[in-house]
Amino acid sequence: MIITSTVTVLAEAAEVEHNPIVPLWQEIVLGLIAFGILCFVLMKFVFPQMEKTFAARVDAIEGGIKRAEDAQAEANKLLEQYKAQLAEARTEAARIRDEARADAEGIRQDVLAKAREESDRIIAAGNEQLATQRESIVRDLRSEVGTLAVDLASKIVGESLADEARSRGTVERFIADLDSAGTTGGRR
């Protein structure tokens, strides 16, 4: 029966001429009921979930900004510490470099002093050796010159000067004459 009454209502409505601008009242009711159900589902299930997601995003963004600010503050603090350590290291390096220069200068002075001492010792030893060699050469030359002088004098005089005491006296006298001639000749 309900179906027949609905069909008759629809048939009567079809007989009435319908204005295309004004919708049928049944469509409006049906649309309102569907809209109400849709709003109920959205408000009950979808909007709360969207609110939770939105709140989570806001927290994440605000937390990220807060963490970024904290990280920036920590980075600035570490930068200041780094700058202070760098300045301290530069000061320490300058101090070590100055100490090294002072130590190097001290070592240089010690090495120069030791080199001078060694040089003076070598020169003194060389002079001593030279004096010893000179005396030895002079001694050898005196005996050789004496022998040559005696031989030469023997040939000139024509007598033998083989007597050693006599020849020694003659040689000593000859050398003394040479020394005196050399010293007076050198002063002119």
N, C-alpha and C. Protein backbone atom coordinates (compact mmCIF):
# COMPACT_ATOMS: atom_id res chain seq x y z
N MET A 1 0.76 -1.14 0.00
CA MET A 1 0.00 0.00 0.00
C MET A 1 0.84 1.26 0.00
N ILE A 2 1.82 1.25 0.69
CA ILE A 2 2.70 2.43 0.71
C ILE A 2 3.28 2.65 -0.68
N ILE A 3 3.55 1.58 -1.31
CA ILE A 3 4.14 1.71 -2.63
C ILE A 3 3.10 2.28 -3.60
N THR A 4 1.94 1.85 -3.51
CA THR A 4 0.92 2.36 -4.41
C THR A 4 0.64 3.82 -4.15
N SER A 5 0.62 4.19 -2.90
CA SER A 5 0.39 5.60 -2.61
C SER A 5 1.55 6.45 -3.10
N THR A 6 2.73 5.96 -3.01
CA THR A 6 3.89 6.71 -3.48
C THR A 6 3.84 6.83 -4.99
N VAL A 7 3.45 5.79 -5.64
CA VAL A 7 3.39 5.81 -7.09
C VAL A 7 2.30 6.78 -7.53
N THR A 8 1.19 6.80 -6.82
CA THR A 8 0.15 7.73 -7.20
C THR A 8 0.58 9.15 -6.99
N VAL A 9 1.30 9.40 -5.95
CA VAL A 9 1.80 10.75 -5.69
C VAL A 9 2.75 11.14 -6.79
N LEU A 10 3.54 10.25 -7.19
CA LEU A 10 4.52 10.56 -8.23
C LEU A 10 3.79 10.78 -9.56
N ALA A 11 2.78 10.03 -9.79
CA ALA A 11 2.05 10.18 -11.04
C ALA A 11 1.33 11.52 -11.06
N GLU A 12 0.78 11.91 -9.93
CA GLU A 12 0.11 13.20 -9.87
C GLU A 12 1.11 14.31 -10.04
N ALA A 13 2.25 14.13 -9.46
CA ALA A 13 3.28 15.16 -9.57
C ALA A 13 3.76 15.27 -11.00
N ALA A 14 3.75 14.17 -11.69
CA ALA A 14 4.19 14.20 -13.07
C ALA A 14 3.16 14.90 -13.92
N GLU A 15 1.90 14.79 -13.51
CA GLU A 15 0.88 15.44 -14.28
C GLU A 15 0.95 16.93 -14.12
N VAL A 16 1.33 17.37 -12.93
CA VAL A 16 1.44 18.81 -12.73
C VAL A 16 2.68 19.24 -13.50
N GLU A 17 2.52 20.31 -14.10
CA GLU A 17 3.65 20.76 -14.88
C GLU A 17 4.74 21.26 -13.94
N HIS A 18 5.89 20.79 -14.23
CA HIS A 18 7.02 21.06 -13.35
C HIS A 18 7.82 22.24 -13.87
N ASN A 19 8.22 23.15 -12.94
CA ASN A 19 9.08 24.29 -13.27
C ASN A 19 10.52 23.84 -13.10
N PRO A 20 11.36 23.96 -14.16
CA PRO A 20 12.73 23.46 -14.05
C PRO A 20 13.62 24.27 -13.10
N ILE A 21 13.23 25.43 -12.76
CA ILE A 21 14.05 26.24 -11.86
C ILE A 21 13.81 25.85 -10.43
N VAL A 22 12.65 25.51 -10.04
CA VAL A 22 12.32 25.15 -8.67
C VAL A 22 12.43 23.63 -8.58
N PRO A 23 13.23 23.13 -7.61
CA PRO A 23 13.36 21.68 -7.47
C PRO A 23 12.14 21.10 -6.79
N LEU A 24 12.03 19.82 -6.91
CA LEU A 24 10.94 19.11 -6.26
C LEU A 24 11.21 19.03 -4.78
N TRP A 25 10.14 19.04 -3.97
CA TRP A 25 10.32 19.05 -2.51
C TRP A 25 10.90 17.73 -2.04
N GLN A 26 10.66 16.64 -2.72
CA GLN A 26 11.20 15.35 -2.35
C GLN A 26 12.72 15.33 -2.54
N GLU A 27 13.19 15.94 -3.57
CA GLU A 27 14.64 16.01 -3.81
C GLU A 27 15.32 16.85 -2.74
N ILE A 28 14.65 17.90 -2.33
CA ILE A 28 15.22 18.76 -1.28
C ILE A 28 15.31 17.98 0.01
N VAL A 29 14.30 17.25 0.36
CA VAL A 29 14.30 16.47 1.60
C VAL A 29 15.38 15.40 1.53
N LEU A 30 15.38 14.69 0.43
CA LEU A 30 16.38 13.65 0.28
C LEU A 30 17.79 14.23 0.32
N GLY A 31 18.01 15.36 -0.30
CA GLY A 31 19.32 16.04 -0.28
C GLY A 31 19.71 16.47 1.13
N LEU A 32 18.70 17.00 1.89
CA LEU A 32 18.98 17.42 3.27
C LEU A 32 19.34 16.23 4.16
N ILE A 33 18.65 15.12 3.97
CA ILE A 33 18.95 13.92 4.77
C ILE A 33 20.36 13.43 4.44
N ALA A 34 20.72 13.36 3.17
CA ALA A 34 22.06 12.90 2.77
C ALA A 34 23.13 13.87 3.28
N PHE A 35 22.83 15.17 3.19
CA PHE A 35 23.78 16.17 3.69
C PHE A 35 23.97 16.04 5.19
N GLY A 36 22.88 15.78 5.93
CA GLY A 36 22.96 15.61 7.38
C GLY A 36 23.81 14.40 7.74
N ILE A 37 23.60 13.30 7.00
CA ILE A 37 24.40 12.09 7.26
C ILE A 37 25.86 12.36 6.96
N LEU A 38 26.11 13.01 5.85
CA LEU A 38 27.49 13.34 5.49
C LEU A 38 28.14 14.24 6.53
N CYS A 39 27.45 15.26 7.00
CA CYS A 39 28.00 16.16 8.04
C CYS A 39 28.26 15.40 9.32
N PHE A 40 27.30 14.50 9.68
CA PHE A 40 27.50 13.71 10.89
C PHE A 40 28.76 12.85 10.79
N VAL A 41 28.96 12.18 9.68
CA VAL A 41 30.15 11.32 9.49
C VAL A 41 31.41 12.18 9.50
N LEU A 42 31.38 13.30 8.82
CA LEU A 42 32.57 14.17 8.80
C LEU A 42 32.89 14.69 10.20
N MET A 43 31.87 15.14 10.94
CA MET A 43 32.11 15.70 12.28
C MET A 43 32.52 14.63 13.28
N LYS A 44 32.02 13.45 13.13
CA LYS A 44 32.30 12.40 14.10
C LYS A 44 33.66 11.74 13.85
N PHE A 45 33.99 11.51 12.60
CA PHE A 45 35.19 10.72 12.31
C PHE A 45 36.30 11.50 11.60
N VAL A 46 35.99 12.27 10.61
CA VAL A 46 37.01 12.89 9.77
C VAL A 46 37.60 14.14 10.43
N PHE A 47 36.77 15.06 10.89
CA PHE A 47 37.29 16.31 11.46
C PHE A 47 38.16 16.09 12.69
N PRO A 48 37.81 15.19 13.63
CA PRO A 48 38.72 14.97 14.76
C PRO A 48 40.09 14.42 14.31
N GLN A 49 40.05 13.54 13.33
CA GLN A 49 41.32 13.00 12.84
C GLN A 49 42.14 14.11 12.17
N MET A 50 41.47 14.97 11.43
CA MET A 50 42.17 16.09 10.80
C MET A 50 42.73 17.04 11.85
N GLU A 51 41.98 17.26 12.94
CA GLU A 51 42.46 18.12 14.04
C GLU A 51 43.71 17.53 14.67
N LYS A 52 43.69 16.21 14.89
CA LYS A 52 44.87 15.54 15.47
C LYS A 52 46.08 15.69 14.54
N THR A 53 45.86 15.47 13.27
CA THR A 53 46.96 15.59 12.30
C THR A 53 47.46 17.02 12.25
N PHE A 54 46.54 17.97 12.24
CA PHE A 54 46.93 19.38 12.22
C PHE A 54 47.72 19.74 13.48
N ALA A 55 47.24 19.29 14.65
CA ALA A 55 47.95 19.57 15.92
C ALA A 55 49.34 18.94 15.91
N ALA A 56 49.42 17.71 15.37
CA ALA A 56 50.74 17.05 15.30
C ALA A 56 51.68 17.82 14.39
N ARG A 57 51.17 18.32 13.29
CA ARG A 57 52.01 19.11 12.38
C ARG A 57 52.45 20.41 13.02
N VAL A 58 51.52 21.08 13.71
CA VAL A 58 51.86 22.33 14.40
C VAL A 58 52.94 22.07 15.44
N ASP A 59 52.77 20.98 16.21
CA ASP A 59 53.78 20.64 17.22
C ASP A 59 55.13 20.33 16.57
N ALA A 60 55.08 19.60 15.47
CA ALA A 60 56.32 19.26 14.79
C ALA A 60 57.01 20.51 14.27
N ILE A 61 56.23 21.39 13.69
CA ILE A 61 56.83 22.62 13.14
C ILE A 61 57.36 23.49 14.27
N GLU A 62 56.53 23.70 15.31
CA GLU A 62 56.98 24.53 16.42
C GLU A 62 58.15 23.86 17.15
N GLY A 63 58.09 22.53 17.30
CA GLY A 63 59.20 21.81 17.93
C GLY A 63 60.46 21.89 17.09
N GLY A 64 60.28 21.79 15.77
CA GLY A 64 61.42 21.91 14.87
C GLY A 64 62.05 23.29 14.95
N ILE A 65 61.19 24.31 15.02
CA ILE A 65 61.71 25.68 15.15
C ILE A 65 62.43 25.83 16.47
N LYS A 66 61.85 25.27 17.54
CA LYS A 66 62.48 25.36 18.87
C LYS A 66 63.82 24.61 18.87
N ARG A 67 63.81 23.41 18.26
CA ARG A 67 65.06 22.65 18.19
C ARG A 67 66.10 23.40 17.35
N ALA A 68 65.65 24.02 16.27
CA ALA A 68 66.57 24.79 15.42
C ALA A 68 67.13 25.98 16.19
N GLU A 69 66.28 26.65 16.97
CA GLU A 69 66.77 27.77 17.77
C GLU A 69 67.76 27.28 18.83
N ASP A 70 67.43 26.15 19.47
CA ASP A 70 68.36 25.57 20.46
C ASP A 70 69.68 25.18 19.81
N ALA A 71 69.59 24.55 18.63
CA ALA A 71 70.81 24.15 17.92
C ALA A 71 71.62 25.37 17.52
N GLN A 72 70.93 26.43 17.08
CA GLN A 72 71.63 27.66 16.71
C GLN A 72 72.33 28.27 17.92
N ALA A 73 71.65 28.28 19.06
CA ALA A 73 72.26 28.81 20.28
C ALA A 73 73.47 27.97 20.68
N GLU A 74 73.33 26.65 20.58
CA GLU A 74 74.45 25.75 20.91
C GLU A 74 75.61 25.97 19.94
N ALA A 75 75.28 26.14 18.65
CA ALA A 75 76.32 26.38 17.65
C ALA A 75 77.05 27.70 17.93
N ASN A 76 76.29 28.73 18.30
CA ASN A 76 76.92 30.01 18.63
C ASN A 76 77.81 29.88 19.85
N LYS A 77 77.36 29.13 20.83
CA LYS A 77 78.16 28.91 22.04
C LYS A 77 79.44 28.15 21.69
N LEU A 78 79.32 27.11 20.87
CA LEU A 78 80.51 26.35 20.46
C LEU A 78 81.44 27.20 19.61
N LEU A 79 80.88 28.08 18.78
CA LEU A 79 81.70 28.97 17.97
C LEU A 79 82.51 29.91 18.85
N GLU A 80 81.87 30.44 19.87
CA GLU A 80 82.59 31.33 20.80
C GLU A 80 83.69 30.56 21.53
N GLN A 81 83.38 29.33 21.95
CA GLN A 81 84.41 28.52 22.60
C GLN A 81 85.55 28.23 21.65
N TYR A 82 85.21 27.91 20.40
CA TYR A 82 86.24 27.65 19.39
C TYR A 82 87.11 28.88 19.17
N LYS A 83 86.47 30.05 19.07
CA LYS A 83 87.25 31.28 18.88
C LYS A 83 88.17 31.54 20.06
N ALA A 84 87.67 31.30 21.26
CA ALA A 84 88.49 31.50 22.46
C ALA A 84 89.66 30.51 22.47
N GLN A 85 89.38 29.25 22.13
CA GLN A 85 90.45 28.25 22.08
C GLN A 85 91.46 28.58 20.99
N LEU A 86 90.97 29.06 19.86
CA LEU A 86 91.87 29.43 18.76
C LEU A 86 92.77 30.59 19.17
N ALA A 87 92.20 31.59 19.83
CA ALA A 87 93.01 32.71 20.29
C ALA A 87 94.03 32.24 21.32
N GLU A 88 93.61 31.35 22.20
CA GLU A 88 94.52 30.81 23.21
C GLU A 88 95.63 30.00 22.54
N ALA A 89 95.27 29.21 21.53
CA ALA A 89 96.27 28.41 20.82
C ALA A 89 97.25 29.31 20.07
N ARG A 90 96.75 30.39 19.49
CA ARG A 90 97.65 31.32 18.79
C ARG A 90 98.62 31.98 19.77
N THR A 91 98.10 32.36 20.94
CA THR A 91 98.96 32.95 21.96
C THR A 91 100.01 31.95 22.40
N GLU A 92 99.59 30.71 22.62
CA GLU A 92 100.53 29.65 23.04
C GLU A 92 101.56 29.39 21.95
N ALA A 93 101.12 29.37 20.70
CA ALA A 93 102.05 29.14 19.59
C ALA A 93 103.07 30.28 19.50
N ALA A 94 102.63 31.50 19.69
CA ALA A 94 103.56 32.64 19.66
C ALA A 94 104.56 32.54 20.80
N ARG A 95 104.09 32.13 21.99
CA ARG A 95 104.99 31.98 23.13
C ARG A 95 106.01 30.87 22.86
N ILE A 96 105.54 29.74 22.33
CA ILE A 96 106.45 28.63 22.03
C ILE A 96 107.45 29.04 20.96
N ARG A 97 106.98 29.78 19.95
CA ARG A 97 107.88 30.23 18.89
C ARG A 97 108.94 31.17 19.45
N ASP A 98 108.55 32.09 20.35
CA ASP A 98 109.52 32.99 20.96
C ASP A 98 110.52 32.23 21.82
N GLU A 99 110.02 31.24 22.57
CA GLU A 99 110.94 30.42 23.37
C GLU A 99 111.92 29.65 22.48
N ALA A 100 111.40 29.13 21.38
CA ALA A 100 112.25 28.38 20.46
C ALA A 100 113.32 29.29 19.86
N ARG A 101 112.93 30.50 19.52
CA ARG A 101 113.92 31.45 18.98
C ARG A 101 114.99 31.77 20.02
N ALA A 102 114.55 31.98 21.26
CA ALA A 102 115.51 32.27 22.33
C ALA A 102 116.43 31.07 22.55
N ASP A 103 115.85 29.86 22.56
CA ASP A 103 116.67 28.65 22.71
C ASP A 103 117.64 28.50 21.55
N ALA A 104 117.15 28.76 20.34
CA ALA A 104 118.01 28.64 19.16
C ALA A 104 119.15 29.65 19.23
N GLU A 105 118.85 30.86 19.69
CA GLU A 105 119.92 31.87 19.82
C GLU A 105 120.94 31.43 20.87
N GLY A 106 120.46 30.87 21.98
CA GLY A 106 121.38 30.37 23.01
C GLY A 106 122.24 29.24 22.48
N ILE A 107 121.61 28.32 21.76
CA ILE A 107 122.37 27.20 21.17
C ILE A 107 123.37 27.73 20.16
N ARG A 108 122.94 28.70 19.36
CA ARG A 108 123.85 29.30 18.37
C ARG A 108 125.06 29.93 19.05
N GLN A 109 124.81 30.67 20.12
CA GLN A 109 125.92 31.29 20.85
C GLN A 109 126.85 30.23 21.44
N ASP A 110 126.27 29.15 21.99
CA ASP A 110 127.10 28.06 22.53
C ASP A 110 127.94 27.41 21.44
N VAL A 111 127.31 27.16 20.30
CA VAL A 111 128.04 26.53 19.20
C VAL A 111 129.16 27.45 18.71
N LEU A 112 128.85 28.75 18.60
CA LEU A 112 129.89 29.70 18.16
C LEU A 112 131.04 29.76 19.17
N ALA A 113 130.70 29.76 20.47
CA ALA A 113 131.76 29.79 21.49
C ALA A 113 132.61 28.54 21.41
N LYS A 114 131.96 27.38 21.27
CA LYS A 114 132.72 26.13 21.17
C LYS A 114 133.55 26.12 19.90
N ALA A 115 133.00 26.64 18.80
CA ALA A 115 133.75 26.69 17.55
C ALA A 115 134.96 27.61 17.69
N ARG A 116 134.78 28.75 18.38
CA ARG A 116 135.92 29.66 18.60
C ARG A 116 136.99 28.98 19.46
N GLU A 117 136.52 28.31 20.51
CA GLU A 117 137.48 27.60 21.37
C GLU A 117 138.23 26.54 20.58
N GLU A 118 137.51 25.77 19.80
CA GLU A 118 138.13 24.71 18.99
C GLU A 118 139.08 25.32 17.97
N SER A 119 138.63 26.43 17.35
CA SER A 119 139.48 27.11 16.37
C SER A 119 140.76 27.63 17.03
N ASP A 120 140.59 28.25 18.21
CA ASP A 120 141.77 28.76 18.92
C ASP A 120 142.69 27.61 19.32
N ARG A 121 142.11 26.48 19.75
CA ARG A 121 142.93 25.33 20.14
C ARG A 121 143.68 24.78 18.93
N ILE A 122 142.97 24.68 17.78
CA ILE A 122 143.61 24.15 16.57
C ILE A 122 144.72 25.10 16.12
N ILE A 123 144.45 26.40 16.18
CA ILE A 123 145.48 27.38 15.78
C ILE A 123 146.68 27.30 16.71
N ALA A 124 146.40 27.20 18.01
CA ALA A 124 147.51 27.10 18.97
C ALA A 124 148.32 25.83 18.72
N ALA A 125 147.62 24.71 18.48
CA ALA A 125 148.33 23.46 18.20
C ALA A 125 149.12 23.58 16.91
N GLY A 126 148.54 24.23 15.90
CA GLY A 126 149.24 24.43 14.63
C GLY A 126 150.47 25.31 14.81
N ASN A 127 150.32 26.39 15.58
CA ASN A 127 151.46 27.28 15.84
C ASN A 127 152.56 26.54 16.60
N GLU A 128 152.14 25.74 17.57
CA GLU A 128 153.12 24.97 18.36
C GLU A 128 153.83 23.97 17.46
N GLN A 129 153.06 23.28 16.61
CA GLN A 129 153.65 22.31 15.70
C GLN A 129 154.57 23.02 14.71
N LEU A 130 154.14 24.19 14.24
CA LEU A 130 154.96 24.96 13.31
C LEU A 130 156.27 25.40 13.97
N ALA A 131 156.17 25.83 15.22
CA ALA A 131 157.39 26.24 15.94
C ALA A 131 158.32 25.05 16.14
N THR A 132 157.75 23.91 16.47
CA THR A 132 158.57 22.71 16.65
C THR A 132 159.23 22.31 15.34
N GLN A 133 158.48 22.34 14.25
CA GLN A 133 159.05 22.01 12.95
C GLN A 133 160.10 23.03 12.54
N ARG A 134 159.85 24.28 12.84
CA ARG A 134 160.82 25.33 12.51
C ARG A 134 162.13 25.10 13.25
N GLU A 135 162.01 24.80 14.55
CA GLU A 135 163.23 24.53 15.34
C GLU A 135 163.97 23.33 14.79
N SER A 136 163.20 22.30 14.42
CA SER A 136 163.82 21.10 13.87
C SER A 136 164.51 21.41 12.55
N ILE A 137 163.84 22.18 11.70
CA ILE A 137 164.43 22.55 10.41
C ILE A 137 165.67 23.42 10.61
N VAL A 138 165.55 24.37 11.55
CA VAL A 138 166.71 25.25 11.82
C VAL A 138 167.88 24.41 12.33
N ARG A 139 167.58 23.47 13.21
CA ARG A 139 168.64 22.60 13.74
C ARG A 139 169.29 21.80 12.62
N ASP A 140 168.43 21.19 11.75
CA ASP A 140 168.95 20.41 10.63
C ASP A 140 169.75 21.28 9.68
N LEU A 141 169.23 22.48 9.41
CA LEU A 141 169.95 23.40 8.51
C LEU A 141 171.28 23.84 9.12
N ARG A 142 171.30 24.08 10.42
CA ARG A 142 172.56 24.50 11.06
C ARG A 142 173.62 23.41 10.94
N SER A 143 173.16 22.18 11.20
CA SER A 143 174.17 21.12 11.11
C SER A 143 174.60 20.92 9.67
N GLU A 144 173.63 21.02 8.73
CA GLU A 144 173.99 20.84 7.33
C GLU A 144 174.81 22.03 6.83
N VAL A 145 174.38 23.23 7.21
CA VAL A 145 175.14 24.42 6.80
C VAL A 145 176.53 24.37 7.43
N GLY A 146 176.57 23.91 8.68
CA GLY A 146 177.88 23.82 9.35
C GLY A 146 178.79 22.85 8.63
N THR A 147 178.24 21.70 8.24
CA THR A 147 179.04 20.70 7.52
C THR A 147 179.48 21.26 6.18
N LEU A 148 178.57 21.89 5.47
CA LEU A 148 178.93 22.48 4.18
C LEU A 148 179.95 23.61 4.34
N ALA A 149 179.76 24.38 5.40
CA ALA A 149 180.70 25.48 5.62
C ALA A 149 182.09 24.95 5.94
N VAL A 150 182.16 23.90 6.74
CA VAL A 150 183.46 23.31 7.08
C VAL A 150 184.10 22.75 5.84
N ASP A 151 183.30 22.03 5.02
CA ASP A 151 183.86 21.47 3.79
C ASP A 151 184.33 22.57 2.86
N LEU A 152 183.55 23.61 2.73
CA LEU A 152 183.91 24.72 1.87
C LEU A 152 185.14 25.44 2.40
N ALA A 153 185.16 25.65 3.70
CA ALA A 153 186.31 26.34 4.30
C ALA A 153 187.55 25.49 4.17
N SER A 154 187.40 24.17 4.27
CA SER A 154 188.55 23.28 4.12
C SER A 154 189.11 23.40 2.72
N LYS A 155 188.24 23.48 1.76
CA LYS A 155 188.72 23.59 0.39
C LYS A 155 189.38 24.93 0.15
N ILE A 156 188.81 25.99 0.76
CA ILE A 156 189.38 27.32 0.54
C ILE A 156 190.71 27.44 1.30
N VAL A 157 190.73 27.06 2.52
CA VAL A 157 191.93 27.22 3.35
C VAL A 157 192.98 26.21 2.94
N GLY A 158 192.54 25.11 2.55
CA GLY A 158 193.49 24.10 2.13
C GLY A 158 193.96 23.25 3.27
N GLU A 159 193.50 23.40 4.41
CA GLU A 159 193.87 22.52 5.50
C GLU A 159 192.63 21.82 6.01
N SER A 160 192.84 20.79 6.67
CA SER A 160 191.73 19.97 7.13
C SER A 160 191.17 20.55 8.41
N LEU A 161 189.88 20.74 8.40
CA LEU A 161 189.21 21.24 9.60
C LEU A 161 188.39 20.10 10.20
N ALA A 162 188.96 18.96 10.23
CA ALA A 162 188.25 17.77 10.65
C ALA A 162 188.06 17.72 12.15
N ASP A 163 188.84 18.46 12.84
CA ASP A 163 188.71 18.47 14.30
C ASP A 163 187.33 19.01 14.65
N GLU A 164 186.61 18.19 15.36
CA GLU A 164 185.21 18.53 15.59
C GLU A 164 185.05 19.75 16.47
N ALA A 165 185.77 19.87 17.49
CA ALA A 165 185.64 21.00 18.38
C ALA A 165 185.97 22.27 17.63
N ARG A 166 186.88 22.19 16.84
CA ARG A 166 187.28 23.34 16.08
C ARG A 166 186.24 23.67 15.02
N SER A 167 185.78 22.63 14.34
CA SER A 167 184.79 22.87 13.30
C SER A 167 183.48 23.37 13.91
N ARG A 168 183.12 22.85 15.08
CA ARG A 168 181.90 23.30 15.74
C ARG A 168 182.02 24.77 16.08
N GLY A 169 183.12 25.18 16.60
CA GLY A 169 183.32 26.59 16.93
C GLY A 169 183.26 27.44 15.68
N THR A 170 183.83 26.96 14.60
CA THR A 170 183.81 27.69 13.34
C THR A 170 182.37 27.79 12.82
N VAL A 171 181.64 26.72 12.89
CA VAL A 171 180.26 26.71 12.41
C VAL A 171 179.41 27.63 13.26
N GLU A 172 179.59 27.58 14.57
CA GLU A 172 178.80 28.44 15.46
C GLU A 172 179.10 29.90 15.17
N ARG A 173 180.34 30.22 14.96
CA ARG A 173 180.73 31.59 14.67
C ARG A 173 180.14 32.03 13.33
N PHE A 174 180.17 31.15 12.33
CA PHE A 174 179.64 31.45 11.01
C PHE A 174 178.13 31.71 11.09
N ILE A 175 177.43 30.88 11.81
CA ILE A 175 175.98 31.04 11.95
C ILE A 175 175.66 32.31 12.73
N ALA A 176 176.45 32.61 13.75
CA ALA A 176 176.23 33.83 14.51
C ALA A 176 176.46 35.04 13.61
N ASP A 177 177.45 34.97 12.73
CA ASP A 177 177.67 36.05 11.79
C ASP A 177 176.49 36.20 10.82
N LEU A 178 175.94 35.06 10.39
CA LEU A 178 174.78 35.10 9.50
C LEU A 178 173.57 35.69 10.21
N ASP A 179 173.38 35.30 11.48
CA ASP A 179 172.24 35.83 12.24
C ASP A 179 172.39 37.33 12.44
N SER A 180 173.59 37.76 12.80
CA SER A 180 173.78 39.20 13.02
C SER A 180 173.65 39.97 11.72
N ALA A 181 174.10 39.40 10.60
CA ALA A 181 173.98 40.07 9.32
C ALA A 181 172.50 40.14 8.91
N GLY A 182 171.75 39.09 9.22
CA GLY A 182 170.32 39.08 8.89
C GLY A 182 169.54 40.07 9.71
N THR A 183 169.87 40.24 10.98
CA THR A 183 169.12 41.14 11.83
C THR A 183 169.48 42.59 11.51
N THR A 184 170.71 42.87 11.21
CA THR A 184 171.08 44.26 10.90
C THR A 184 170.64 44.60 9.49
N GLY A 185 170.66 43.63 8.58
CA GLY A 185 170.24 43.88 7.19
C GLY A 185 168.74 44.07 7.13
N GLY A 186 168.03 43.44 7.98
CA GLY A 186 166.57 43.54 7.95
C GLY A 186 166.09 44.84 8.55
N ARG A 187 166.93 45.54 9.33
CA ARG A 187 166.49 46.76 9.99
C ARG A 187 166.73 47.97 9.13
N ARG A 188 167.47 47.85 8.09
CA ARG A 188 167.79 49.02 7.29
C ARG A 188 166.63 49.57 6.67
